Amino acid sequence: MTAVAGLVLAASVLIGLMLGLLGGGGSILTVPVLVYLAEVDPKPAIAMSLVVVGATSAVALIPHARAGRVRWRTGVLFGTAGMAGAYFGGRAAGHIPGSVLLIAFAAMMLVTAVAMLRTRRDSAAAEPVPGSRLPVVKILAEGAAVGLATGLVGAGGGFLVVPALVLLGGLPMPVAVGTSLLVIAMKSTAGLAGYLHTVTIDWPLTAAVTAIAVLGSLAGSRLAGRIDPALLRRAFGWFVVVMGLGVLARQMTG
């Protein structure tokens, strides 16, 4: 095994760990790992990331569901709208330069991270009032918008979905993490369907990264219920800031 291959597989563990622990962050790592370490072109890397993140999220969802950290109705509503947006985003991405997609990817990361870090601690920890209505229209609109972003830049969308579920769905952070995995799995599948019209995927590399990421996700899922929600939210926000600045800097200087 070459040093580069070892780094790719080591990063794959971290990809899964982030998804299981934070309900997002997998695509934030997957796209840079495939582009800068594995030297995959941006568009195939984005499509491959949708396979990795979608499959890993589906597996990571299981421990969260068993622990009662998934709101199925909210997740299905958000995910269904997101699938439509993701498919059309994936189709549109075939006509946009890869460098532009990566810059847009970084910009979205930074905007979302700032919104997450500014979220008041009490709003992130508050449970919805029993019997209160879900803001269905807002959830559907946000789901479609996040889905479009997923399809365009290969982001599973956890770094967008988790804040949306906290702010719009009124979910506490651990539940938002679990629910986001359902949404990510749904949207990644639709986004991949859109991308497959215009790109060819390196399936052996994709399968290897996915298998290692799945193992990391199971460990992350076990840790998620044991960490303070406010700390988890802040860590999530700062992680996205660092990764977003890194991708942006690389594109601006590359």
Foldseek 3Di string as FASTA:
>chain_A
DDPLVVVLLVLLLVLLLCLQQQVFDNLLSQQCSCCVRVVDQNLLSLLLSLLLLLLLLVLSLVLCVVVVLEDVVLLVLLQVLLLVLLLVLQQVLLVDDSLVLLLVVLVVLQVLLVLLQPDDPCLQAFADDPPDDQPSVQSSVQSNVQSNNCLNNSGLRSSPQLVCCSNRVSYHRSSSSSSSSSSSNSSSVSSSNNNVVRDDYPVVVSVSSNVSSNVSNNVNNVCNVVDDRVVSSNVSSVVSNVSSVVSNVVSVVD
